[in-house]
Amino acid sequence: MSGIKFLLDTNVAIGLMKGEVAAIGLRTCLDIPTVGNFLSQVSRIELLGFPGLSADDEVRVQQFLSFCSVV
């Protein structure tokens, strides 16, 4: 057992960053904490490598990643 409680999918991470109702509801329903979650290296690359990512969006992604552990 790895001890990882939540490994967030890229789509869930995007939803949380955008404040989408479905992602917020999932976080609330599963009691997913705001900080201390895990994200795969692949998800990190997908988030930062999105075509047409604006400078503001990149800052938002970097801030989100600062609250996660990349595994």
C-alpha atoms as a PDB file:
ATOM      1  CA  MET A   1       0.000   0.000   0.000  1.00  0.00           C
ATOM      2  CA  SER A   2       1.445   3.367  -1.034  1.00  0.00           C
ATOM      3  CA  GLY A   3      -0.372   5.559   1.475  1.00  0.00           C
ATOM      4  CA  ILE A   4      -1.634   7.761  -1.354  1.00  0.00           C
ATOM      5  CA  LYS A   5      -5.230   8.642  -0.622  1.00  0.00           C
ATOM      6  CA  PHE A   6      -6.106  10.570  -3.793  1.00  0.00           C
ATOM      7  CA  LEU A   7      -4.316  10.523  -7.137  1.00  0.00           C
ATOM      8  CA  LEU A   8      -6.078  13.190  -9.164  1.00  0.00           C
ATOM      9  CA  ASP A   9      -6.817  12.700 -12.841  1.00  0.00           C
ATOM     10  CA  THR A  10      -5.960  15.532 -15.234  1.00  0.00           C
ATOM     11  CA  ASN A  11      -9.631  16.227 -15.936  1.00  0.00           C
ATOM     12  CA  VAL A  12     -10.444  16.463 -12.234  1.00  0.00           C
ATOM     13  CA  ALA A  13      -7.499  18.821 -11.726  1.00  0.00           C
ATOM     14  CA  ILE A  14      -8.711  21.029 -14.586  1.00  0.00           C
ATOM     15  CA  GLY A  15     -12.224  21.010 -13.170  1.00  0.00           C
ATOM     16  CA  LEU A  16     -10.997  22.024  -9.732  1.00  0.00           C
ATOM     17  CA  MET A  17      -8.878  24.841 -11.155  1.00  0.00           C
ATOM     18  CA  LYS A  18     -11.838  26.110 -13.183  1.00  0.00           C
ATOM     19  CA  GLY A  19     -14.208  25.784 -10.235  1.00  0.00           C
ATOM     20  CA  GLU A  20     -16.551  23.470 -12.140  1.00  0.00           C
ATOM     21  CA  VAL A  21     -19.557  22.346 -10.125  1.00  0.00           C
ATOM     22  CA  ALA A  22     -19.037  18.637 -10.901  1.00  0.00           C
ATOM     23  CA  ALA A  23     -15.401  18.671  -9.745  1.00  0.00           C
ATOM     24  CA  ILE A  24     -16.215  20.663  -6.608  1.00  0.00           C
ATOM     25  CA  GLY A  25     -19.091  18.274  -5.871  1.00  0.00           C
ATOM     26  CA  LEU A  26     -16.789  15.270  -6.289  1.00  0.00           C
ATOM     27  CA  ARG A  27     -14.242  16.838  -3.945  1.00  0.00           C
ATOM     28  CA  THR A  28     -16.958  17.504  -1.378  1.00  0.00           C
ATOM     29  CA  CYS A  29     -18.579  14.075  -1.728  1.00  0.00           C
ATOM     30  CA  LEU A  30     -15.307  12.171  -1.360  1.00  0.00           C
ATOM     31  CA  ASP A  31     -13.910  14.603   1.225  1.00  0.00           C
ATOM     32  CA  ILE A  32     -10.841  15.270  -0.928  1.00  0.00           C
ATOM     33  CA  PRO A  33      -8.609  17.779   0.852  1.00  0.00           C
ATOM     34  CA  THR A  34      -7.649  21.047  -0.830  1.00  0.00           C
ATOM     35  CA  VAL A  35      -3.935  20.414  -0.300  1.00  0.00           C
ATOM     36  CA  GLY A  36      -1.764  17.316  -0.118  1.00  0.00           C
ATOM     37  CA  ASN A  37      -3.172  15.449  -3.093  1.00  0.00           C
ATOM     38  CA  PHE A  38      -1.112  13.528  -5.579  1.00  0.00           C
ATOM     39  CA  LEU A  39      -0.871  14.034  -9.314  1.00  0.00           C
ATOM     40  CA  SER A  40       0.999  11.878 -11.787  1.00  0.00           C
ATOM     41  CA  GLN A  41       3.927  13.231 -13.765  1.00  0.00           C
ATOM     42  CA  VAL A  42       1.871  12.567 -16.911  1.00  0.00           C
ATOM     43  CA  SER A  43      -0.950  14.788 -15.593  1.00  0.00           C
ATOM     44  CA  ARG A  44       1.580  17.500 -14.758  1.00  0.00           C
ATOM     45  CA  ILE A  45       2.920  17.387 -18.316  1.00  0.00           C
ATOM     46  CA  GLU A  46      -0.621  17.441 -19.729  1.00  0.00           C
ATOM     47  CA  LEU A  47      -1.530  20.486 -17.637  1.00  0.00           C
ATOM     48  CA  LEU A  48       1.598  22.471 -18.490  1.00  0.00           C
ATOM     49  CA  GLY A  49       1.801  21.288 -22.099  1.00  0.00           C
ATOM     50  CA  PHE A  50      -1.730  22.248 -23.103  1.00  0.00           C
ATOM     51  CA  PRO A  51      -1.591  23.989 -26.519  1.00  0.00           C
ATOM     52  CA  GLY A  52      -2.395  27.680 -26.308  1.00  0.00           C
ATOM     53  CA  LEU A  53      -1.899  27.880 -22.537  1.00  0.00           C
ATOM     54  CA  SER A  54      -1.896  31.565 -21.622  1.00  0.00           C
ATOM     55  CA  ALA A  55       0.600  33.051 -19.180  1.00  0.00           C
ATOM     56  CA  ASP A  56      -2.213  33.533 -16.631  1.00  0.00           C
ATOM     57  CA  ASP A  57      -3.312  29.921 -17.022  1.00  0.00           C
ATOM     58  CA  GLU A  58       0.269  28.729 -16.577  1.00  0.00           C
ATOM     59  CA  VAL A  59       0.498  30.669 -13.305  1.00  0.00           C
ATOM     60  CA  ARG A  60      -2.815  29.119 -12.187  1.00  0.00           C
ATOM     61  CA  VAL A  61      -1.534  25.615 -13.042  1.00  0.00           C
ATOM     62  CA  GLN A  62       1.754  26.239 -11.220  1.00  0.00           C
ATOM     63  CA  GLN A  63      -0.158  27.425  -8.152  1.00  0.00           C
ATOM     64  CA  PHE A  64      -2.366  24.322  -8.262  1.00  0.00           C
ATOM     65  CA  LEU A  65       0.698  22.089  -8.618  1.00  0.00           C
ATOM     66  CA  SER A  66       2.288  23.725  -5.563  1.00  0.00           C
ATOM     67  CA  PHE A  67      -0.499  22.162  -3.483  1.00  0.00           C
ATOM     68  CA  CYS A  68       0.077  18.682  -4.926  1.00  0.00           C
ATOM     69  CA  SER A  69       2.800  16.079  -4.781  1.00  0.00           C
ATOM     70  CA  VAL A  70       3.830  14.849  -8.212  1.00  0.00           C
ATOM     71  CA  VAL A  71       4.509  11.106  -8.318  1.00  0.00           C
END
